[in-house]
Amino acid sequence: MTETSVKLRETPIRKLFISYLIPSVLGMLLMSVNIVVDGIFVGHGVGPDGLAGVNIAVPAFSIFLSISLWIGIGGATMYSIALGQDETRHARTIFSHAITLAVLLVAAITALCLWKLDEIAYLFGANEVILPYVQDYLTVLLAFGFVYVMENILSVFVRNDGNPTLSMASLIVTAVLNVVFNYVFIFIWGMGVKGAAAATVLSAAVGFLVLLTHFLKKNSTLRVISFRPQPKILIDILSIGFPSFVAEVSTAVVTIGFNIAFMNLLGETGVASYAIVNYIHAVMVLLFLGIGAALQPISSFHYGAGLFGRLQKSLKLSVRTALVAGLFAVCCGFVFAGPLVHMFDVQSKELFTLTVEGMGLFFLAYLFLGYNLVYAEYFQSVGQIKKSLLIIASQGLLLVPPFLWILPKWFGVIGIWLVYPVVQGVTALAVACMNRLQLPVPAVPNVAAGTTPDQ
């Protein structure tokens, strides 16, 4: 039995959860710094059009993150289940498959996106004014996005291998360097939005190097080994990680939808306003994802080990934590909206007023978002993919487009800001009904024998 297995089996649940929660939440918050810092520096160094252009390009960032989480969460869930069943060799085989799959998939997507760069920019909602900024940001991000994907995938596996502190450390390094590189590239070298994109990928490369030190540990289970390709493992990685992919694709679709709605109603001012709110929103979402990230390795391992009492305790603790965090986030939206908007050097009174008012309405969604994300993460971590996928799809692809079409017609600009809170509230109601109707009863798979969850 590995050192990680002993720790997960014997440490009291509350202590174990906190040991994963603090590094996960801090790590996710630091990851969000990379996104917000780009916005702050672009807002000060380029202006509102540059800020709007970066926001138009953000869905491409979400696509890379979606690939990271699709393969990372899918593979790491299988990895932790295998560790729970003391299948160390199979766990390493899963990791090796995941890394190989990521390399091939990212290479194909990067080539396709660079080939159709302008078409993608217009698809994301760019117009002639903003297009040059979108092109600059996308060119750098797409060319070097592979590094960002590998850093995120390895971070998830390192956390599942019992080293959440190193995952956090890599994100600290990435966040600090991103600030430094943004300042140098934008204000000293005058690279504009290209500088913001370059800062993101270069800082991610250094963070990746930090994560590689995990392999120097003598007691590390994580290893890349030679393997014979097994399509079943690849299918299982993609199947279990699919809700994470849908979540990030939904984020991209939602961002595009909001950009188009604001562009149609208010033009570049509306898109710039939403860009500011969306940057702050990225911080809050990653706060809740950090809670889910803390739950995932714990629940996957205990599910694989058949320790269902500890599994349910960790779930309840995560839900309570998410609800408290949601209340905190809503208060931040109302109390600190003005100072938060000022960080982006907003000079226009119209833009400032629109953004402050919109932020308070938009942040009402956090009363429900954490609850939804924790249950989505839980169901995914124990292999109940259909339930996880239903929650994720409801938050974005299923509910946002119709509400984004209806509410602005009824309430104008206020209706656009209220779309996200309404969608999260409806999703939370559906999750509560689903849990009341049928409590999850896990059936432990034998990953080494090829039996996967949901079978």
Protein backbone atom coordinates (compact mmCIF):
# COMPACT_ATOMS: atom_id res chain seq x y z
CA MET A 1 0.00 0.00 0.00
CA THR A 2 1.43 3.37 -1.01
CA GLU A 3 1.97 6.31 1.35
CA THR A 4 -0.82 8.21 -0.42
CA SER A 5 -3.23 5.28 0.11
CA VAL A 6 -2.45 5.12 3.83
CA LYS A 7 -3.01 8.87 4.18
CA LEU A 8 -6.38 8.77 2.40
CA ARG A 9 -7.60 5.73 4.34
CA GLU A 10 -6.59 6.72 7.87
CA THR A 11 -6.64 10.53 8.17
CA PRO A 12 -9.86 11.90 9.77
CA ILE A 13 -12.17 13.23 7.04
CA ARG A 14 -12.29 16.83 8.23
CA LYS A 15 -8.51 17.04 8.53
CA LEU A 16 -8.06 15.26 5.20
CA PHE A 17 -10.52 17.55 3.43
CA ILE A 18 -8.86 20.68 4.81
CA SER A 19 -5.43 19.39 3.76
CA TYR A 20 -6.73 19.22 0.18
CA LEU A 21 -9.09 22.21 0.38
CA ILE A 22 -6.58 24.93 1.29
CA PRO A 23 -4.04 24.15 -1.46
CA SER A 24 -6.82 23.53 -4.01
CA VAL A 25 -8.70 26.78 -3.32
CA LEU A 26 -5.54 28.86 -3.10
CA GLY A 27 -4.23 27.20 -6.25
CA MET A 28 -7.44 27.89 -8.16
CA LEU A 29 -7.56 31.48 -6.95
CA LEU A 30 -4.00 31.95 -8.10
CA MET A 31 -4.94 30.45 -11.45
CA SER A 32 -7.69 33.03 -11.71
CA VAL A 33 -5.09 35.72 -11.06
CA ASN A 34 -3.57 34.80 -14.44
CA ILE A 35 -6.88 35.68 -16.12
CA VAL A 36 -7.64 38.83 -14.11
CA VAL A 37 -4.09 40.18 -14.38
CA ASP A 38 -4.34 40.03 -18.18
CA GLY A 39 -7.50 42.13 -17.99
CA ILE A 40 -6.06 44.68 -15.57
CA PHE A 41 -2.86 45.19 -17.54
CA VAL A 42 -4.65 45.29 -20.89
CA GLY A 43 -7.21 47.73 -19.48
CA HIS A 44 -4.45 50.07 -18.28
CA GLY A 45 -1.96 49.54 -21.09
CA VAL A 46 -4.15 49.09 -24.18
CA GLY A 47 -7.62 50.44 -23.38
CA PRO A 48 -11.28 49.34 -23.53
CA ASP A 49 -11.08 47.98 -27.11
CA GLY A 50 -8.10 45.82 -26.18
CA LEU A 51 -9.96 44.64 -23.08
CA ALA A 52 -13.01 43.75 -25.17
CA GLY A 53 -10.77 41.98 -27.69
CA VAL A 54 -9.18 39.80 -25.01
CA ASN A 55 -12.64 38.94 -23.67
CA ILE A 56 -13.72 37.93 -27.17
CA ALA A 57 -10.67 35.61 -27.30
CA VAL A 58 -11.34 34.10 -23.85
CA PRO A 59 -13.41 31.18 -25.25
CA ALA A 60 -10.22 29.87 -26.90
CA PHE A 61 -8.63 29.95 -23.44
CA SER A 62 -11.64 27.99 -22.20
CA ILE A 63 -11.20 25.42 -24.95
CA PHE A 64 -7.63 24.70 -23.84
CA LEU A 65 -8.75 24.54 -20.22
CA SER A 66 -11.59 22.19 -21.24
CA ILE A 67 -9.09 19.79 -22.83
CA SER A 68 -6.93 19.97 -19.69
CA LEU A 69 -9.84 19.11 -17.43
CA TRP A 70 -11.36 16.56 -19.82
CA ILE A 71 -8.20 14.46 -19.90
CA GLY A 72 -6.86 15.48 -16.49
CA ILE A 73 -10.00 14.85 -14.42
CA GLY A 74 -10.96 11.76 -16.42
CA GLY A 75 -7.54 10.21 -16.12
CA ALA A 76 -6.95 11.29 -12.52
CA THR A 77 -10.31 9.89 -11.39
CA MET A 78 -9.40 6.51 -12.87
CA TYR A 79 -5.92 6.88 -11.38
CA SER A 80 -7.27 7.45 -7.85
CA ILE A 81 -9.78 4.61 -8.14
CA ALA A 82 -6.92 2.30 -9.19
CA LEU A 83 -4.85 3.47 -6.20
CA GLY A 84 -7.82 2.75 -3.93
CA GLN A 85 -7.80 -0.81 -5.28
CA ASP A 86 -3.98 -1.08 -4.89
CA GLU A 87 -3.52 -1.37 -8.66
CA THR A 88 -0.32 0.72 -8.90
CA ARG A 89 0.82 -0.59 -12.29
CA HIS A 90 -2.57 0.08 -13.82
CA ALA A 91 -2.62 3.58 -12.31
CA ARG A 92 0.66 4.39 -14.08
CA THR A 93 -0.68 2.97 -17.34
CA ILE A 94 -3.68 5.31 -17.06
CA PHE A 95 -1.39 8.32 -16.53
CA SER A 96 0.75 7.38 -19.53
CA HIS A 97 -2.33 7.05 -21.75
CA ALA A 98 -3.61 10.45 -20.57
CA ILE A 99 -0.37 12.28 -21.40
CA THR A 100 -0.16 10.70 -24.85
CA LEU A 101 -3.79 11.53 -25.61
CA ALA A 102 -3.28 15.17 -24.58
CA VAL A 103 -0.29 15.63 -26.87
CA LEU A 104 -2.10 14.28 -29.93
CA LEU A 105 -5.38 16.11 -29.29
CA VAL A 106 -3.86 19.53 -28.62
CA ALA A 107 -1.64 19.31 -31.70
CA ALA A 108 -4.65 18.63 -33.93
CA ILE A 109 -6.80 21.41 -32.45
CA THR A 110 -3.99 23.98 -32.56
CA ALA A 111 -3.33 23.33 -36.23
CA LEU A 112 -7.02 23.63 -37.10
CA CYS A 113 -7.56 26.86 -35.14
CA LEU A 114 -4.48 28.62 -36.55
CA TRP A 115 -5.65 27.70 -40.05
CA LYS A 116 -9.08 29.32 -39.51
CA LEU A 117 -8.07 32.13 -37.15
CA ASP A 118 -10.18 34.97 -38.60
CA GLU A 119 -13.28 32.81 -38.95
CA ILE A 120 -12.96 31.75 -35.31
CA ALA A 121 -12.55 35.37 -34.17
CA TYR A 122 -15.78 36.41 -35.91
CA LEU A 123 -17.54 33.31 -34.55
CA PHE A 124 -16.59 34.39 -31.02
CA GLY A 125 -18.27 37.79 -31.58
CA ALA A 126 -15.52 40.07 -32.91
CA ASN A 127 -16.24 43.05 -35.15
CA GLU A 128 -13.88 45.10 -37.34
CA VAL A 129 -12.85 47.37 -34.45
CA ILE A 130 -11.91 44.54 -32.08
CA LEU A 131 -10.64 41.98 -34.62
CA PRO A 132 -6.92 43.02 -34.56
CA TYR A 133 -6.77 42.59 -30.79
CA VAL A 134 -8.47 39.19 -30.98
CA GLN A 135 -6.04 38.08 -33.69
CA ASP A 136 -3.01 39.15 -31.65
CA TYR A 137 -4.14 37.33 -28.52
CA LEU A 138 -5.29 34.16 -30.30
CA THR A 139 -2.13 33.81 -32.38
CA VAL A 140 0.13 33.56 -29.33
CA LEU A 141 -2.29 31.53 -27.22
CA LEU A 142 -2.92 28.94 -29.93
CA ALA A 143 0.74 28.62 -30.89
CA PHE A 144 1.88 27.88 -27.33
CA GLY A 145 -1.31 26.65 -25.65
CA PHE A 146 0.14 23.14 -25.48
CA VAL A 147 2.27 24.21 -22.51
CA TYR A 148 -0.78 25.52 -20.66
CA VAL A 149 -2.65 22.25 -21.24
CA MET A 150 0.22 20.08 -20.00
CA GLU A 151 0.67 22.19 -16.87
CA ASN A 152 -3.00 21.82 -15.95
CA ILE A 153 -3.14 18.07 -16.62
CA LEU A 154 -0.02 17.37 -14.60
CA SER A 155 -1.31 19.56 -11.77
CA VAL A 156 -4.45 17.42 -11.47
CA PHE A 157 -2.47 14.17 -11.44
CA VAL A 158 0.06 15.48 -8.90
CA ARG A 159 -2.83 16.45 -6.60
CA ASN A 160 -4.33 12.96 -6.97
CA ASP A 161 -0.94 11.46 -6.18
CA GLY A 162 -1.13 12.99 -2.72
CA ASN A 163 0.79 16.22 -3.33
CA PRO A 164 -1.74 19.09 -3.43
CA THR A 165 0.86 21.44 -1.96
CA LEU A 166 3.12 21.14 -5.00
CA SER A 167 0.15 21.79 -7.29
CA MET A 168 -0.47 24.98 -5.33
CA ALA A 169 3.22 25.91 -5.43
CA SER A 170 3.31 25.64 -9.21
CA LEU A 171 0.30 27.93 -9.47
CA ILE A 172 1.91 30.45 -7.10
CA VAL A 173 4.97 30.58 -9.33
CA THR A 174 2.78 30.86 -12.44
CA ALA A 175 0.67 33.67 -10.94
CA VAL A 176 3.63 35.73 -9.73
CA LEU A 177 5.51 35.40 -13.00
CA ASN A 178 2.38 36.25 -14.97
CA VAL A 179 2.22 39.62 -13.19
CA VAL A 180 5.89 40.28 -13.86
CA PHE A 181 5.73 39.23 -17.51
CA ASN A 182 2.56 41.24 -18.14
CA TYR A 183 4.20 44.38 -16.80
CA VAL A 184 7.37 43.85 -18.84
CA PHE A 185 5.67 42.82 -22.06
CA ILE A 186 2.90 45.44 -22.07
CA PHE A 187 4.34 48.51 -20.34
CA ILE A 188 8.07 48.19 -21.05
CA TRP A 189 8.17 46.39 -24.39
CA GLY A 190 4.81 47.71 -25.67
CA MET A 191 3.60 44.33 -26.97
CA GLY A 192 -0.10 45.07 -26.28
CA VAL A 193 -2.48 42.12 -26.07
CA LYS A 194 0.20 39.87 -27.60
CA GLY A 195 2.20 40.58 -24.46
CA ALA A 196 -0.70 39.48 -22.25
CA ALA A 197 -1.00 36.18 -24.12
CA ALA A 198 2.78 35.64 -24.07
CA ALA A 199 2.87 36.28 -20.32
CA THR A 200 0.17 33.65 -19.77
CA VAL A 201 1.89 30.85 -21.69
CA LEU A 202 5.43 31.65 -20.55
CA SER A 203 4.47 31.70 -16.87
CA ALA A 204 2.61 28.40 -17.40
CA ALA A 205 5.80 26.89 -18.82
CA VAL A 206 7.70 27.73 -15.64
CA GLY A 207 4.84 26.32 -13.53
CA PHE A 208 5.08 23.09 -15.54
CA LEU A 209 8.78 22.84 -14.69
CA VAL A 210 7.91 23.18 -10.99
CA LEU A 211 5.44 20.29 -11.26
CA LEU A 212 8.10 18.07 -12.82
CA THR A 213 9.93 18.06 -9.46
CA HIS A 214 7.20 15.69 -8.21
CA PHE A 215 8.89 12.90 -10.13
CA LEU A 216 12.02 13.35 -8.01
CA LYS A 217 10.16 12.08 -4.92
CA LYS A 218 11.16 8.53 -4.01
CA ASN A 219 7.65 7.64 -2.77
CA SER A 220 5.86 9.04 -5.84
CA THR A 221 3.54 6.56 -7.53
CA LEU A 222 3.12 8.79 -10.58
CA ARG A 223 5.27 7.60 -13.47
CA VAL A 224 5.17 7.57 -17.26
CA ILE A 225 5.78 3.97 -18.31
CA SER A 226 5.97 2.12 -21.60
CA PHE A 227 2.59 0.70 -22.53
CA ARG A 228 0.67 -1.02 -25.26
CA PRO A 229 -2.15 1.31 -26.37
CA GLN A 230 -5.47 0.20 -24.88
CA PRO A 231 -8.47 1.87 -26.56
CA LYS A 232 -10.63 0.95 -23.54
CA ILE A 233 -8.52 3.15 -21.24
CA LEU A 234 -8.67 6.06 -23.67
CA ILE A 235 -12.44 5.72 -23.98
CA ASP A 236 -12.83 5.60 -20.20
CA ILE A 237 -10.65 8.70 -19.72
CA LEU A 238 -12.73 10.63 -22.23
CA SER A 239 -16.00 9.29 -20.83
CA ILE A 240 -15.30 10.10 -17.17
CA GLY A 241 -13.72 13.46 -18.00
CA PHE A 242 -16.45 14.44 -20.46
CA PRO A 243 -18.49 16.52 -17.93
CA SER A 244 -15.39 18.67 -17.31
CA PHE A 245 -15.01 19.20 -21.03
CA VAL A 246 -18.69 20.12 -21.38
CA ALA A 247 -18.34 22.52 -18.43
CA GLU A 248 -15.57 24.49 -20.10
CA VAL A 249 -17.18 24.34 -23.54
CA SER A 250 -20.33 25.68 -21.87
CA THR A 251 -18.25 28.51 -20.43
CA ALA A 252 -17.05 29.36 -23.92
CA VAL A 253 -20.59 29.18 -25.35
CA VAL A 254 -21.97 31.30 -22.50
CA THR A 255 -19.25 33.91 -23.00
CA ILE A 256 -19.93 34.07 -26.73
CA GLY A 257 -23.67 34.34 -26.07
CA PHE A 258 -23.27 37.19 -23.59
CA ASN A 259 -20.80 38.99 -25.86
CA ILE A 260 -23.24 38.84 -28.76
CA ALA A 261 -26.17 39.95 -26.57
CA PHE A 262 -24.26 42.95 -25.21
CA MET A 263 -22.84 43.82 -28.62
CA ASN A 264 -26.34 43.89 -30.12
CA LEU A 265 -27.78 45.99 -27.30
CA LEU A 266 -24.95 48.33 -26.27
CA GLY A 267 -22.05 47.81 -28.68
CA GLU A 268 -18.39 47.81 -27.54
CA THR A 269 -19.34 49.44 -24.20
CA GLY A 270 -21.57 46.50 -23.32
CA VAL A 271 -18.89 43.96 -24.25
CA ALA A 272 -16.26 45.85 -22.22
CA SER A 273 -18.62 45.92 -19.22
CA TYR A 274 -19.26 42.21 -19.45
CA ALA A 275 -15.51 41.62 -19.90
CA ILE A 276 -14.81 43.24 -16.52
CA VAL A 277 -17.55 41.26 -14.77
CA ASN A 278 -16.37 38.10 -16.52
CA TYR A 279 -12.83 38.57 -15.25
CA ILE A 280 -14.06 38.82 -11.65
CA HIS A 281 -16.45 35.95 -12.32
CA ALA A 282 -13.47 33.79 -13.31
CA VAL A 283 -12.04 34.27 -9.82
CA MET A 284 -15.29 33.27 -8.13
CA VAL A 285 -15.86 30.22 -10.33
CA LEU A 286 -12.37 28.94 -9.64
CA LEU A 287 -13.04 29.37 -5.91
CA PHE A 288 -15.90 26.87 -6.20
CA LEU A 289 -13.93 24.64 -8.55
CA GLY A 290 -11.22 24.56 -5.89
CA ILE A 291 -13.71 23.09 -3.43
CA GLY A 292 -14.67 20.46 -6.01
CA ALA A 293 -11.01 19.81 -6.78
CA ALA A 294 -10.40 19.10 -3.09
CA LEU A 295 -13.30 16.65 -3.04
CA GLN A 296 -12.38 14.78 -6.25
CA PRO A 297 -9.26 12.79 -5.18
CA ILE A 298 -10.81 12.02 -1.79
CA SER A 299 -14.10 10.77 -3.19
CA SER A 300 -12.51 8.86 -6.10
CA PHE A 301 -10.12 7.03 -3.77
CA HIS A 302 -12.77 6.17 -1.18
CA TYR A 303 -15.12 5.08 -3.93
CA GLY A 304 -12.44 2.74 -5.30
CA ALA A 305 -11.67 1.46 -1.79
CA GLY A 306 -15.37 0.94 -0.94
CA LEU A 307 -15.23 3.34 2.06
CA PHE A 308 -18.71 4.80 1.53
CA GLY A 309 -19.17 6.26 5.02
CA ARG A 310 -16.10 8.45 4.61
CA LEU A 311 -17.24 9.23 1.07
CA GLN A 312 -20.56 10.68 2.24
CA LYS A 313 -18.92 12.68 5.04
CA SER A 314 -16.56 14.34 2.58
CA LEU A 315 -19.49 15.21 0.29
CA LYS A 316 -21.50 16.86 3.06
CA LEU A 317 -18.46 18.85 4.19
CA SER A 318 -17.87 20.06 0.63
CA VAL A 319 -21.49 21.18 0.17
CA ARG A 320 -21.45 23.21 3.41
CA THR A 321 -18.17 24.83 2.41
CA ALA A 322 -19.57 25.74 -1.03
CA LEU A 323 -22.72 27.33 0.44
CA VAL A 324 -20.69 29.50 2.82
CA ALA A 325 -18.36 30.51 -0.03
CA GLY A 326 -21.41 31.42 -2.13
CA LEU A 327 -22.72 33.83 0.48
CA PHE A 328 -19.27 35.40 0.76
CA ALA A 329 -19.07 35.86 -3.03
CA VAL A 330 -22.49 37.53 -3.23
CA CYS A 331 -21.50 39.98 -0.50
CA CYS A 332 -18.31 40.83 -2.40
CA GLY A 333 -20.38 41.56 -5.51
CA PHE A 334 -22.53 44.12 -3.72
CA VAL A 335 -20.03 45.67 -1.30
CA PHE A 336 -16.86 45.83 -3.39
CA ALA A 337 -18.26 46.26 -6.93
CA GLY A 338 -16.95 49.82 -7.24
CA PRO A 339 -13.35 49.13 -6.15
CA LEU A 340 -13.26 45.97 -8.27
CA VAL A 341 -14.27 47.89 -11.39
CA HIS A 342 -11.75 50.64 -10.63
CA MET A 343 -8.95 48.03 -10.88
CA PHE A 344 -9.53 47.99 -14.65
CA ASP A 345 -8.90 51.75 -15.00
CA VAL A 346 -12.40 52.53 -16.25
CA GLN A 347 -12.56 56.18 -17.31
CA SER A 348 -16.06 56.25 -18.79
CA LYS A 349 -18.81 57.05 -16.29
CA GLU A 350 -21.31 55.15 -18.43
CA LEU A 351 -19.12 52.03 -18.47
CA PHE A 352 -18.44 52.28 -14.73
CA THR A 353 -22.13 52.61 -13.77
CA LEU A 354 -23.21 49.81 -16.11
CA THR A 355 -20.58 47.44 -14.75
CA VAL A 356 -21.17 48.15 -11.06
CA GLU A 357 -24.92 47.68 -11.39
CA GLY A 358 -24.49 44.57 -13.50
CA MET A 359 -21.99 42.95 -11.15
CA GLY A 360 -24.39 42.98 -8.20
CA LEU A 361 -27.12 41.29 -10.26
CA PHE A 362 -24.80 38.79 -11.93
CA PHE A 363 -23.23 37.71 -8.62
CA LEU A 364 -26.59 36.52 -7.26
CA ALA A 365 -25.78 33.32 -9.15
CA TYR A 366 -23.22 32.39 -6.49
CA LEU A 367 -25.97 31.53 -4.04
CA PHE A 368 -26.42 28.38 -6.13
CA LEU A 369 -23.28 27.90 -8.20
CA GLY A 370 -21.13 26.27 -5.52
CA TYR A 371 -23.87 23.76 -4.64
CA ASN A 372 -24.24 22.83 -8.30
CA LEU A 373 -20.51 22.49 -8.99
CA VAL A 374 -19.79 20.37 -5.91
CA TYR A 375 -22.49 17.84 -6.83
CA ALA A 376 -21.32 17.81 -10.45
CA GLU A 377 -17.76 17.12 -9.28
CA TYR A 378 -18.92 14.45 -6.83
CA PHE A 379 -20.97 12.51 -9.36
CA GLN A 380 -18.10 12.68 -11.82
CA SER A 381 -15.53 11.52 -9.25
CA VAL A 382 -17.54 8.37 -8.48
CA GLY A 383 -18.26 7.68 -12.14
CA GLN A 384 -21.93 8.70 -12.24
CA ILE A 385 -21.33 10.55 -15.47
CA LYS A 386 -24.93 11.03 -16.58
CA LYS A 387 -25.87 12.93 -13.42
CA SER A 388 -22.75 15.08 -13.57
CA LEU A 389 -23.31 15.81 -17.24
CA LEU A 390 -26.93 16.81 -16.64
CA ILE A 391 -25.90 19.36 -14.00
CA ILE A 392 -23.11 20.80 -16.14
CA ALA A 393 -25.21 21.00 -19.30
CA SER A 394 -28.07 22.68 -17.43
CA GLN A 395 -25.74 25.46 -16.24
CA GLY A 396 -24.71 26.36 -19.76
CA LEU A 397 -25.71 24.70 -22.99
CA LEU A 398 -29.28 23.79 -22.06
CA LEU A 399 -30.56 26.82 -20.14
CA VAL A 400 -28.41 29.86 -20.97
CA PRO A 401 -29.37 30.23 -24.69
CA PRO A 402 -33.16 30.24 -24.12
CA PHE A 403 -32.99 32.56 -21.10
CA LEU A 404 -30.53 34.79 -22.96
CA TRP A 405 -33.11 35.08 -25.71
CA ILE A 406 -36.14 35.64 -23.42
CA LEU A 407 -35.01 37.81 -20.48
CA PRO A 408 -33.44 40.69 -22.46
CA LYS A 409 -36.69 41.03 -24.40
CA TRP A 410 -38.59 41.42 -21.13
CA PHE A 411 -36.12 43.46 -19.03
CA GLY A 412 -33.52 44.87 -21.44
CA VAL A 413 -29.95 45.12 -20.09
CA ILE A 414 -31.07 44.03 -16.61
CA GLY A 415 -32.45 40.89 -18.22
CA ILE A 416 -29.01 40.00 -19.62
CA TRP A 417 -27.39 40.37 -16.19
CA LEU A 418 -30.10 38.20 -14.59
CA VAL A 419 -29.72 35.29 -17.02
CA TYR A 420 -26.90 33.60 -15.11
CA PRO A 421 -28.53 33.80 -11.62
CA VAL A 422 -31.80 32.41 -13.01
CA VAL A 423 -30.00 29.54 -14.76
CA GLN A 424 -28.06 28.62 -11.61
CA GLY A 425 -31.21 28.76 -9.47
CA VAL A 426 -33.14 26.47 -11.82
CA THR A 427 -30.20 24.05 -11.92
CA ALA A 428 -29.92 23.98 -8.11
CA LEU A 429 -33.61 23.18 -7.86
CA ALA A 430 -33.15 20.30 -10.30
CA VAL A 431 -30.16 18.97 -8.32
CA ALA A 432 -32.11 19.11 -5.05
CA CYS A 433 -35.02 17.23 -6.62
CA MET A 434 -32.67 14.64 -8.10
CA ASN A 435 -31.01 14.01 -4.74
CA ARG A 436 -34.35 13.79 -2.95
CA LEU A 437 -35.77 11.33 -5.46
CA GLN A 438 -32.76 9.03 -5.54
CA LEU A 439 -29.69 9.07 -3.33
CA PRO A 440 -26.53 7.95 -5.11
CA VAL A 441 -25.66 4.29 -4.46
CA PRO A 442 -22.20 3.73 -5.94
CA ALA A 443 -21.17 0.44 -7.52
CA VAL A 444 -17.41 0.07 -7.38
CA PRO A 445 -15.78 -0.73 -10.71
CA ASN A 446 -12.76 -2.94 -11.24
CA VAL A 447 -10.62 -0.59 -13.30
CA ALA A 448 -7.85 -3.08 -13.89
CA ALA A 449 -10.35 -5.55 -15.33
CA GLY A 450 -11.84 -2.88 -17.55
CA THR A 451 -15.14 -2.37 -15.68
CA THR A 452 -15.93 1.32 -15.51
CA PRO A 453 -18.48 3.34 -13.56
CA ASP A 454 -21.94 3.83 -15.02
CA GLN A 455 -21.80 0.27 -16.35
